[in-house]
Amino acid sequence: TFSNYGMTWYRQAPGKQRELVARIENTGTPNYSNSVKGRFTISRDN
């Protein structure tokens, strides 16, 4: 049930650990890593 869950984007660059990029809660509240804040936007369509 997609609308009940937060969803997260991660990324992994060559030779680096996987890192959190952005998360959106089931309420629609977003959070971003400092490295992408102001440049990336996470959204959802339930």
All heavy atoms as atom14 arrays in JSON, in Angstrom:
{
  "sequence": "TFSNYGMTWYRQAPGKQRELVARIENTGTPNYSNSVKGRFTISRDN",
  "atom14_mask": [
    [1, 1, 1, 1, 1, 1, 1, 0, 0, 0, 0, 0, 0, 0],
    [1, 1, 1, 1, 1, 1, 1, 1, 1, 1, 1, 0, 0, 0],
    [1, 1, 1, 1, 1, 1, 0, 0, 0, 0, 0, 0, 0, 0],
    [1, 1, 1, 1, 1, 1, 1, 1, 0, 0, 0, 0, 0, 0],
    [1, 1, 1, 1, 1, 1, 1, 1, 1, 1, 1, 1, 0, 0],
    [1, 1, 1, 1, 0, 0, 0, 0, 0, 0, 0, 0, 0, 0],
    [1, 1, 1, 1, 1, 1, 1, 1, 0, 0, 0, 0, 0, 0],
    [1, 1, 1, 1, 1, 1, 1, 0, 0, 0, 0, 0, 0, 0],
    [1, 1, 1, 1, 1, 1, 1, 1, 1, 1, 1, 1, 1, 1],
    [1, 1, 1, 1, 1, 1, 1, 1, 1, 1, 1, 1, 0, 0],
    [1, 1, 1, 1, 1, 1, 1, 1, 1, 1, 1, 0, 0, 0],
    [1, 1, 1, 1, 1, 1, 1, 1, 1, 0, 0, 0, 0, 0],
    [1, 1, 1, 1, 1, 0, 0, 0, 0, 0, 0, 0, 0, 0],
    [1, 1, 1, 1, 1, 1, 1, 0, 0, 0, 0, 0, 0, 0],
    [1, 1, 1, 1, 0, 0, 0, 0, 0, 0, 0, 0, 0, 0],
    [1, 1, 1, 1, 1, 1, 1, 1, 1, 0, 0, 0, 0, 0],
    [1, 1, 1, 1, 1, 1, 1, 1, 1, 0, 0, 0, 0, 0],
    [1, 1, 1, 1, 1, 1, 1, 1, 1, 1, 1, 0, 0, 0],
    [1, 1, 1, 1, 1, 1, 1, 1, 1, 0, 0, 0, 0, 0],
    [1, 1, 1, 1, 1, 1, 1, 1, 0, 0, 0, 0, 0, 0],
    [1, 1, 1, 1, 1, 1, 1, 0, 0, 0, 0, 0, 0, 0],
    [1, 1, 1, 1, 1, 0, 0, 0, 0, 0, 0, 0, 0, 0],
    [1, 1, 1, 1, 1, 1, 1, 1, 1, 1, 1, 0, 0, 0],
    [1, 1, 1, 1, 1, 1, 1, 1, 0, 0, 0, 0, 0, 0],
    [1, 1, 1, 1, 1, 1, 1, 1, 1, 0, 0, 0, 0, 0],
    [1, 1, 1, 1, 1, 1, 1, 1, 0, 0, 0, 0, 0, 0],
    [1, 1, 1, 1, 1, 1, 1, 0, 0, 0, 0, 0, 0, 0],
    [1, 1, 1, 1, 0, 0, 0, 0, 0, 0, 0, 0, 0, 0],
    [1, 1, 1, 1, 1, 1, 1, 0, 0, 0, 0, 0, 0, 0],
    [1, 1, 1, 1, 1, 1, 1, 0, 0, 0, 0, 0, 0, 0],
    [1, 1, 1, 1, 1, 1, 1, 1, 0, 0, 0, 0, 0, 0],
    [1, 1, 1, 1, 1, 1, 1, 1, 1, 1, 1, 1, 0, 0],
    [1, 1, 1, 1, 1, 1, 0, 0, 0, 0, 0, 0, 0, 0],
    [1, 1, 1, 1, 1, 1, 1, 1, 0, 0, 0, 0, 0, 0],
    [1, 1, 1, 1, 1, 1, 0, 0, 0, 0, 0, 0, 0, 0],
    [1, 1, 1, 1, 1, 1, 1, 0, 0, 0, 0, 0, 0, 0],
    [1, 1, 1, 1, 1, 1, 1, 1, 1, 0, 0, 0, 0, 0],
    [1, 1, 1, 1, 0, 0, 0, 0, 0, 0, 0, 0, 0, 0],
    [1, 1, 1, 1, 1, 1, 1, 1, 1, 1, 1, 0, 0, 0],
    [1, 1, 1, 1, 1, 1, 1, 1, 1, 1, 1, 0, 0, 0],
    [1, 1, 1, 1, 1, 1, 1, 0, 0, 0, 0, 0, 0, 0],
    [1, 1, 1, 1, 1, 1, 1, 1, 0, 0, 0, 0, 0, 0],
    [1, 1, 1, 1, 1, 1, 0, 0, 0, 0, 0, 0, 0, 0],
    [1, 1, 1, 1, 1, 1, 1, 1, 1, 1, 1, 0, 0, 0],
    [1, 1, 1, 1, 1, 1, 1, 1, 0, 0, 0, 0, 0, 0],
    [1, 1, 1, 1, 1, 1, 1, 1, 0, 0, 0, 0, 0, 0]
  ],
  "atom14_positions": [
    [[0.85, -1.19, 0.0], [0.0, 0.0, 0.0], [0.88, 1.23, 0.0], [1.32, 1.72, 1.05], [-0.95, -0.01, 1.21], [-1.68, -1.23, 1.23], [-1.93, 1.17, 1.12], [0.0, 0.0, 0.0], [0.0, 0.0, 0.0], [0.0, 0.0, 0.0], [0.0, 0.0, 0.0], [0.0, 0.0, 0.0], [0.0, 0.0, 0.0], [0.0, 0.0, 0.0]],
    [[1.15, 1.71, -1.19], [2.16, 2.75, -1.42], [1.91, 3.99, -0.56], [2.85, 4.54, 0.03], [2.14, 3.13, -2.9], [3.12, 4.2, -3.29], [4.46, 3.9, -3.44], [2.69, 5.5, -3.51], [5.37, 4.88, -3.82], [3.58, 6.48, -3.89], [4.93, 6.17, -4.04], [0.0, 0.0, 0.0], [0.0, 0.0, 0.0], [0.0, 0.0, 0.0]],
    [[0.68, 4.41, -0.44], [0.38, 5.66, 0.26], [0.68, 5.6, 1.75], [0.72, 6.65, 2.41], [-1.09, 6.04, 0.04], [-1.94, 5.02, 0.52], [0.0, 0.0, 0.0], [0.0, 0.0, 0.0], [0.0, 0.0, 0.0], [0.0, 0.0, 0.0], [0.0, 0.0, 0.0], [0.0, 0.0, 0.0], [0.0, 0.0, 0.0], [0.0, 0.0, 0.0]],
    [[0.9, 4.41, 2.28], [1.15, 4.26, 3.71], [2.62, 4.38, 4.1], [2.93, 4.42, 5.29], [0.65, 2.9, 4.2], [-0.87, 2.83, 4.28], [-1.56, 3.82, 4.08], [-1.38, 1.64, 4.56], [0.0, 0.0, 0.0], [0.0, 0.0, 0.0], [0.0, 0.0, 0.0], [0.0, 0.0, 0.0], [0.0, 0.0, 0.0], [0.0, 0.0, 0.0]],
    [[3.49, 4.44, 3.1], [4.92, 4.33, 3.39], [5.74, 5.49, 2.86], [5.48, 6.02, 1.77], [5.48, 3.04, 2.78], [4.97, 1.81, 3.49], [3.8, 1.19, 3.09], [5.66, 1.28, 4.57], [3.3, 0.08, 3.76], [5.19, 0.16, 5.23], [4.01, -0.42, 4.82], [3.53, -1.53, 5.48], [0.0, 0.0, 0.0], [0.0, 0.0, 0.0]],
    [[6.76, 5.85, 3.65], [7.78, 6.74, 3.14], [8.65, 6.02, 2.11], [8.79, 4.79, 2.16], [0.0, 0.0, 0.0], [0.0, 0.0, 0.0], [0.0, 0.0, 0.0], [0.0, 0.0, 0.0], [0.0, 0.0, 0.0], [0.0, 0.0, 0.0], [0.0, 0.0, 0.0], [0.0, 0.0, 0.0], [0.0, 0.0, 0.0], [0.0, 0.0, 0.0]],
    [[9.19, 6.79, 1.2], [10.05, 6.24, 0.16], [11.35, 7.04, 0.11], [11.35, 8.25, 0.38], [9.36, 6.3, -1.21], [8.07, 5.5, -1.3], [8.33, 3.73, -1.17], [9.32, 3.42, -2.63], [0.0, 0.0, 0.0], [0.0, 0.0, 0.0], [0.0, 0.0, 0.0], [0.0, 0.0, 0.0], [0.0, 0.0, 0.0], [0.0, 0.0, 0.0]],
    [[12.41, 6.36, -0.26], [13.74, 6.99, -0.21], [14.5, 6.74, -1.5], [14.42, 5.63, -2.06], [14.55, 6.43, 0.97], [13.77, 6.51, 2.17], [15.83, 7.23, 1.18], [0.0, 0.0, 0.0], [0.0, 0.0, 0.0], [0.0, 0.0, 0.0], [0.0, 0.0, 0.0], [0.0, 0.0, 0.0], [0.0, 0.0, 0.0], [0.0, 0.0, 0.0]],
    [[15.23, 7.74, -1.94], [16.2, 7.6, -3.04], [17.6, 7.55, -2.43], [17.95, 8.38, -1.59], [16.12, 8.76, -4.01], [14.96, 8.72, -4.94], [13.77, 9.4, -4.83], [14.87, 7.97, -6.16], [12.96, 9.12, -5.89], [13.6, 8.24, -6.72], [15.72, 7.1, -6.84], [13.18, 7.67, -7.92], [15.3, 6.53, -8.02], [14.04, 6.81, -8.56]],
    [[18.37, 6.57, -2.87], [19.78, 6.44, -2.53], [20.58, 6.5, -3.83], [20.05, 6.32, -4.92], [20.07, 5.1, -1.85], [19.62, 4.99, -0.43], [18.3, 4.72, -0.11], [20.53, 5.12, 0.62], [17.87, 4.6, 1.19], [20.13, 5.0, 1.94], [18.79, 4.74, 2.22], [18.39, 4.63, 3.52], [0.0, 0.0, 0.0], [0.0, 0.0, 0.0]],
    [[21.87, 6.69, -3.68], [22.76, 6.58, -4.83], [24.08, 5.97, -4.4], [24.48, 6.05, -3.24], [23.0, 7.94, -5.49], [23.79, 8.93, -4.65], [23.84, 10.29, -5.35], [24.6, 11.27, -4.58], [24.68, 12.55, -4.91], [24.04, 13.02, -5.99], [25.38, 13.39, -4.17], [0.0, 0.0, 0.0], [0.0, 0.0, 0.0], [0.0, 0.0, 0.0]],
    [[24.74, 5.37, -5.39], [26.06, 4.77, -5.14], [26.97, 5.08, -6.3], [26.7, 4.65, -7.43], [25.95, 3.27, -4.91], [27.25, 2.64, -4.48], [27.07, 1.23, -3.93], [26.05, 0.59, -4.16], [28.04, 0.77, -3.16], [0.0, 0.0, 0.0], [0.0, 0.0, 0.0], [0.0, 0.0, 0.0], [0.0, 0.0, 0.0], [0.0, 0.0, 0.0]],
    [[28.01, 5.82, -6.02], [29.02, 6.15, -7.01], [30.09, 5.06, -6.99], [30.27, 4.37, -5.98], [29.62, 7.51, -6.71], [0.0, 0.0, 0.0], [0.0, 0.0, 0.0], [0.0, 0.0, 0.0], [0.0, 0.0, 0.0], [0.0, 0.0, 0.0], [0.0, 0.0, 0.0], [0.0, 0.0, 0.0], [0.0, 0.0, 0.0], [0.0, 0.0, 0.0]],
    [[30.82, 4.9, -8.1], [31.86, 3.87, -8.16], [32.86, 4.02, -7.03], [33.38, 5.12, -6.77], [32.52, 4.13, -9.51], [31.47, 4.79, -10.33], [30.68, 5.63, -9.36], [0.0, 0.0, 0.0], [0.0, 0.0, 0.0], [0.0, 0.0, 0.0], [0.0, 0.0, 0.0], [0.0, 0.0, 0.0], [0.0, 0.0, 0.0], [0.0, 0.0, 0.0]],
    [[33.11, 2.94, -6.31], [34.08, 2.94, -5.24], [33.63, 3.61, -3.95], [34.43, 3.76, -3.02], [0.0, 0.0, 0.0], [0.0, 0.0, 0.0], [0.0, 0.0, 0.0], [0.0, 0.0, 0.0], [0.0, 0.0, 0.0], [0.0, 0.0, 0.0], [0.0, 0.0, 0.0], [0.0, 0.0, 0.0], [0.0, 0.0, 0.0], [0.0, 0.0, 0.0]],
    [[32.35, 3.99, -3.9], [31.84, 4.67, -2.71], [30.67, 3.89, -2.11], [30.06, 3.06, -2.77], [31.41, 6.09, -3.04], [32.55, 6.99, -3.47], [32.09, 8.43, -3.57], [33.25, 9.35, -3.9], [32.84, 10.78, -3.96], [0.0, 0.0, 0.0], [0.0, 0.0, 0.0], [0.0, 0.0, 0.0], [0.0, 0.0, 0.0], [0.0, 0.0, 0.0]],
    [[30.38, 4.21, -0.86], [29.23, 3.59, -0.21], [27.93, 4.2, -0.7], [27.9, 5.35, -1.14], [29.36, 3.76, 1.31], [30.45, 2.92, 1.95], [30.38, 2.94, 3.47], [29.89, 3.88, 4.06], [30.85, 1.86, 4.08], [0.0, 0.0, 0.0], [0.0, 0.0, 0.0], [0.0, 0.0, 0.0], [0.0, 0.0, 0.0], [0.0, 0.0, 0.0]],
    [[26.88, 3.41, -0.59], [25.56, 3.91, -0.95], [25.17, 5.01, 0.05], [25.37, 4.86, 1.25], [24.54, 2.77, -0.92], [23.24, 3.07, -1.59], [22.4, 1.81, -1.76], [23.03, 0.86, -2.69], [22.43, -0.23, -3.14], [21.19, -0.52, -2.77], [23.06, -1.05, -3.97], [0.0, 0.0, 0.0], [0.0, 0.0, 0.0], [0.0, 0.0, 0.0]],
    [[24.61, 6.1, -0.46], [24.25, 7.21, 0.4], [22.81, 7.64, 0.15], [22.3, 7.56, -0.97], [25.19, 8.4, 0.19], [25.13, 9.02, -1.19], [25.91, 10.31, -1.3], [26.35, 10.86, -0.27], [26.07, 10.81, -2.44], [0.0, 0.0, 0.0], [0.0, 0.0, 0.0], [0.0, 0.0, 0.0], [0.0, 0.0, 0.0], [0.0, 0.0, 0.0]],
    [[22.18, 8.13, 1.21], [20.82, 8.64, 1.1], [20.84, 9.97, 0.37], [21.66, 10.84, 0.66], [20.21, 8.79, 2.49], [18.72, 9.14, 2.58], [18.14, 8.55, 3.85], [18.48, 10.63, 2.53], [0.0, 0.0, 0.0], [0.0, 0.0, 0.0], [0.0, 0.0, 0.0], [0.0, 0.0, 0.0], [0.0, 0.0, 0.0], [0.0, 0.0, 0.0]],
    [[19.92, 10.11, -0.58], [19.79, 11.34, -1.34], [18.6, 12.16, -0.87], [18.71, 13.34, -0.56], [19.64, 11.02, -2.84], [19.4, 12.29, -3.64], [20.86, 10.28, -3.36], [0.0, 0.0, 0.0], [0.0, 0.0, 0.0], [0.0, 0.0, 0.0], [0.0, 0.0, 0.0], [0.0, 0.0, 0.0], [0.0, 0.0, 0.0], [0.0, 0.0, 0.0]],
    [[17.45, 11.51, -0.83], [16.22, 12.21, -0.45], [15.19, 11.2, 0.02], [15.19, 10.05, -0.43], [15.67, 13.02, -1.62], [0.0, 0.0, 0.0], [0.0, 0.0, 0.0], [0.0, 0.0, 0.0], [0.0, 0.0, 0.0], [0.0, 0.0, 0.0], [0.0, 0.0, 0.0], [0.0, 0.0, 0.0], [0.0, 0.0, 0.0], [0.0, 0.0, 0.0]],
    [[14.32, 11.66, 0.89], [13.25, 10.81, 1.41], [11.96, 11.62, 1.43], [11.98, 12.82, 1.7], [13.57, 10.32, 2.81], [12.44, 9.52, 3.44], [12.81, 8.92, 4.77], [11.66, 8.34, 5.45], [11.18, 7.13, 5.16], [11.74, 6.37, 4.23], [10.12, 6.64, 5.82], [0.0, 0.0, 0.0], [0.0, 0.0, 0.0], [0.0, 0.0, 0.0]],
    [[10.86, 10.93, 1.15], [9.55, 11.57, 1.27], [8.68, 10.68, 2.15], [8.56, 9.47, 1.91], [8.91, 11.84, -0.11], [7.63, 12.64, 0.05], [8.68, 10.56, -0.91], [7.16, 13.28, -1.25], [0.0, 0.0, 0.0], [0.0, 0.0, 0.0], [0.0, 0.0, 0.0], [0.0, 0.0, 0.0], [0.0, 0.0, 0.0], [0.0, 0.0, 0.0]],
    [[8.12, 11.28, 3.17], [7.27, 10.53, 4.09], [5.9, 10.26, 3.45], [5.56, 10.85, 2.41], [7.09, 11.32, 5.38], [8.38, 11.69, 6.08], [9.18, 10.48, 6.53], [8.61, 9.37, 6.68], [10.41, 10.64, 6.73], [0.0, 0.0, 0.0], [0.0, 0.0, 0.0], [0.0, 0.0, 0.0], [0.0, 0.0, 0.0], [0.0, 0.0, 0.0]],
    [[5.14, 9.39, 4.08], [3.81, 9.11, 3.53], [2.92, 10.35, 3.56], [1.98, 10.48, 2.78], [3.15, 7.96, 4.29], [2.87, 8.28, 5.74], [3.7, 8.91, 6.39], [1.74, 7.85, 6.26], [0.0, 0.0, 0.0], [0.0, 0.0, 0.0], [0.0, 0.0, 0.0], [0.0, 0.0, 0.0], [0.0, 0.0, 0.0], [0.0, 0.0, 0.0]],
    [[3.26, 11.3, 4.42], [2.53, 12.56, 4.5], [2.91, 13.53, 3.39], [2.27, 14.55, 3.21], [2.81, 13.24, 5.84], [4.23, 13.45, 5.96], [2.32, 12.4, 7.01], [0.0, 0.0, 0.0], [0.0, 0.0, 0.0], [0.0, 0.0, 0.0], [0.0, 0.0, 0.0], [0.0, 0.0, 0.0], [0.0, 0.0, 0.0], [0.0, 0.0, 0.0]],
    [[4.0, 13.22, 2.69], [4.51, 14.12, 1.65], [5.66, 15.0, 2.11], [6.22, 15.74, 1.3], [0.0, 0.0, 0.0], [0.0, 0.0, 0.0], [0.0, 0.0, 0.0], [0.0, 0.0, 0.0], [0.0, 0.0, 0.0], [0.0, 0.0, 0.0], [0.0, 0.0, 0.0], [0.0, 0.0, 0.0], [0.0, 0.0, 0.0], [0.0, 0.0, 0.0]],
    [[6.02, 14.92, 3.36], [7.13, 15.72, 3.87], [8.45, 15.22, 3.31], [8.76, 14.04, 3.44], [7.17, 15.66, 5.4], [5.94, 16.16, 5.92], [8.33, 16.48, 5.94], [0.0, 0.0, 0.0], [0.0, 0.0, 0.0], [0.0, 0.0, 0.0], [0.0, 0.0, 0.0], [0.0, 0.0, 0.0], [0.0, 0.0, 0.0], [0.0, 0.0, 0.0]],
    [[9.22, 16.11, 2.67], [10.5, 15.69, 2.1], [11.69, 16.02, 3.01], [11.62, 16.92, 3.84], [10.58, 16.53, 0.82], [9.92, 17.82, 1.22], [8.87, 17.46, 2.23], [0.0, 0.0, 0.0], [0.0, 0.0, 0.0], [0.0, 0.0, 0.0], [0.0, 0.0, 0.0], [0.0, 0.0, 0.0], [0.0, 0.0, 0.0], [0.0, 0.0, 0.0]],
    [[12.76, 15.27, 2.8], [14.04, 15.57, 3.43], [15.15, 15.27, 2.44], [15.01, 14.34, 1.63], [14.25, 14.75, 4.71], [13.46, 15.31, 5.88], [13.81, 16.35, 6.43], [12.37, 14.65, 6.24], [0.0, 0.0, 0.0], [0.0, 0.0, 0.0], [0.0, 0.0, 0.0], [0.0, 0.0, 0.0], [0.0, 0.0, 0.0], [0.0, 0.0, 0.0]],
    [[16.21, 16.05, 2.51], [17.29, 15.93, 1.53], [18.65, 15.88, 2.22], [18.85, 16.47, 3.29], [17.27, 17.15, 0.59], [15.97, 17.32, -0.15], [14.98, 18.16, 0.34], [15.74, 16.64, -1.34], [13.77, 18.31, -0.33], [14.55, 16.79, -2.03], [13.57, 17.62, -1.51], [12.38, 17.76, -2.19], [0.0, 0.0, 0.0], [0.0, 0.0, 0.0]],
    [[19.58, 15.23, 1.55], [20.96, 15.32, 2.0], [21.47, 16.71, 1.68], [20.99, 17.38, 0.76], [21.82, 14.26, 1.32], [21.95, 14.56, -0.07], [0.0, 0.0, 0.0], [0.0, 0.0, 0.0], [0.0, 0.0, 0.0], [0.0, 0.0, 0.0], [0.0, 0.0, 0.0], [0.0, 0.0, 0.0], [0.0, 0.0, 0.0], [0.0, 0.0, 0.0]],
    [[22.47, 17.12, 2.43], [23.02, 18.47, 2.21], [23.6, 18.61, 0.8], [23.59, 19.71, 0.23], [24.09, 18.77, 3.25], [23.5, 19.03, 4.62], [22.35, 19.42, 4.75], [24.29, 18.79, 5.65], [0.0, 0.0, 0.0], [0.0, 0.0, 0.0], [0.0, 0.0, 0.0], [0.0, 0.0, 0.0], [0.0, 0.0, 0.0], [0.0, 0.0, 0.0]],
    [[24.07, 17.52, 0.24], [24.73, 17.59, -1.06], [23.77, 17.88, -2.21], [24.2, 18.32, -3.28], [25.48, 16.29, -1.34], [24.59, 15.2, -1.36], [0.0, 0.0, 0.0], [0.0, 0.0, 0.0], [0.0, 0.0, 0.0], [0.0, 0.0, 0.0], [0.0, 0.0, 0.0], [0.0, 0.0, 0.0], [0.0, 0.0, 0.0], [0.0, 0.0, 0.0]],
    [[22.47, 17.65, -2.0], [21.51, 17.87, -3.08], [20.45, 18.91, -2.74], [19.65, 19.29, -3.59], [20.81, 16.55, -3.49], [21.84, 15.48, -3.81], [19.84, 16.07, -2.44], [0.0, 0.0, 0.0], [0.0, 0.0, 0.0], [0.0, 0.0, 0.0], [0.0, 0.0, 0.0], [0.0, 0.0, 0.0], [0.0, 0.0, 0.0], [0.0, 0.0, 0.0]],
    [[20.46, 19.37, -1.51], [19.43, 20.32, -1.07], [19.47, 21.57, -1.96], [20.52, 22.12, -2.24], [19.68, 20.69, 0.39], [18.49, 21.33, 1.09], [18.77, 21.51, 2.57], [18.94, 20.19, 3.29], [19.15, 20.34, 4.73], [0.0, 0.0, 0.0], [0.0, 0.0, 0.0], [0.0, 0.0, 0.0], [0.0, 0.0, 0.0], [0.0, 0.0, 0.0]],
    [[18.3, 21.98, -2.41], [18.19, 23.14, -3.28], [18.33, 22.82, -4.76], [18.05, 23.68, -5.61], [0.0, 0.0, 0.0], [0.0, 0.0, 0.0], [0.0, 0.0, 0.0], [0.0, 0.0, 0.0], [0.0, 0.0, 0.0], [0.0, 0.0, 0.0], [0.0, 0.0, 0.0], [0.0, 0.0, 0.0], [0.0, 0.0, 0.0], [0.0, 0.0, 0.0]],
    [[18.75, 21.6, -5.07], [18.92, 21.21, -6.48], [17.96, 20.08, -6.87], [17.5, 20.03, -8.01], [20.35, 20.76, -6.75], [21.39, 21.82, -6.46], [22.78, 21.38, -6.93], [23.25, 20.17, -6.23], [23.56, 19.03, -6.82], [23.45, 18.9, -8.14], [24.01, 18.0, -6.11], [0.0, 0.0, 0.0], [0.0, 0.0, 0.0], [0.0, 0.0, 0.0]],
    [[17.7, 19.18, -5.95], [16.85, 18.02, -6.21], [15.51, 18.2, -5.5], [15.44, 18.79, -4.42], [17.49, 16.74, -5.71], [18.7, 16.28, -6.47], [19.32, 17.07, -7.41], [19.24, 15.02, -6.22], [20.44, 16.63, -8.11], [20.35, 14.57, -6.9], [20.96, 15.39, -7.84], [0.0, 0.0, 0.0], [0.0, 0.0, 0.0], [0.0, 0.0, 0.0]],
    [[14.46, 17.64, -6.1], [13.14, 17.66, -5.5], [12.54, 16.27, -5.56], [12.45, 15.68, -6.65], [12.21, 18.65, -6.22], [12.78, 19.96, -6.18], [10.85, 18.69, -5.54], [0.0, 0.0, 0.0], [0.0, 0.0, 0.0], [0.0, 0.0, 0.0], [0.0, 0.0, 0.0], [0.0, 0.0, 0.0], [0.0, 0.0, 0.0], [0.0, 0.0, 0.0]],
    [[12.14, 15.75, -4.42], [11.47, 14.46, -4.36], [9.96, 14.7, -4.26], [9.51, 15.64, -3.58], [11.98, 13.61, -3.17], [11.45, 12.18, -3.25], [11.65, 14.26, -1.83], [12.11, 11.23, -2.24], [0.0, 0.0, 0.0], [0.0, 0.0, 0.0], [0.0, 0.0, 0.0], [0.0, 0.0, 0.0], [0.0, 0.0, 0.0], [0.0, 0.0, 0.0]],
    [[9.21, 13.88, -4.95], [7.75, 14.0, -4.91], [7.14, 12.62, -5.09], [7.84, 11.66, -5.44], [7.25, 14.97, -5.98], [7.58, 14.5, -7.27], [0.0, 0.0, 0.0], [0.0, 0.0, 0.0], [0.0, 0.0, 0.0], [0.0, 0.0, 0.0], [0.0, 0.0, 0.0], [0.0, 0.0, 0.0], [0.0, 0.0, 0.0], [0.0, 0.0, 0.0]],
    [[5.85, 12.54, -4.87], [5.17, 11.26, -5.03], [3.77, 11.47, -5.59], [3.15, 12.51, -5.37], [5.09, 10.52, -3.69], [4.28, 11.2, -2.62], [4.46, 10.51, -1.26], [4.0, 9.13, -1.3], [4.44, 8.18, -0.46], [5.36, 8.47, 0.46], [3.94, 6.96, -0.55], [0.0, 0.0, 0.0], [0.0, 0.0, 0.0], [0.0, 0.0, 0.0]],
    [[3.32, 10.46, -6.31], [1.95, 10.45, -6.84], [1.33, 9.14, -6.35], [1.6, 8.07, -6.9], [1.97, 10.52, -8.36], [0.58, 10.64, -8.96], [-0.39, 10.21, -8.31], [0.46, 11.13, -10.09], [0.0, 0.0, 0.0], [0.0, 0.0, 0.0], [0.0, 0.0, 0.0], [0.0, 0.0, 0.0], [0.0, 0.0, 0.0], [0.0, 0.0, 0.0]],
    [[0.53, 9.24, -5.32], [-0.05, 8.04, -4.72], [-1.04, 7.35, -5.67], [-1.24, 6.14, -5.58], [-0.73, 8.37, -3.4], [0.27, 8.72, -2.31], [1.44, 8.35, -2.38], [-0.19, 9.43, -1.3], [0.0, 0.0, 0.0], [0.0, 0.0, 0.0], [0.0, 0.0, 0.0], [0.0, 0.0, 0.0], [0.0, 0.0, 0.0], [0.0, 0.0, 0.0]]
  ]
}
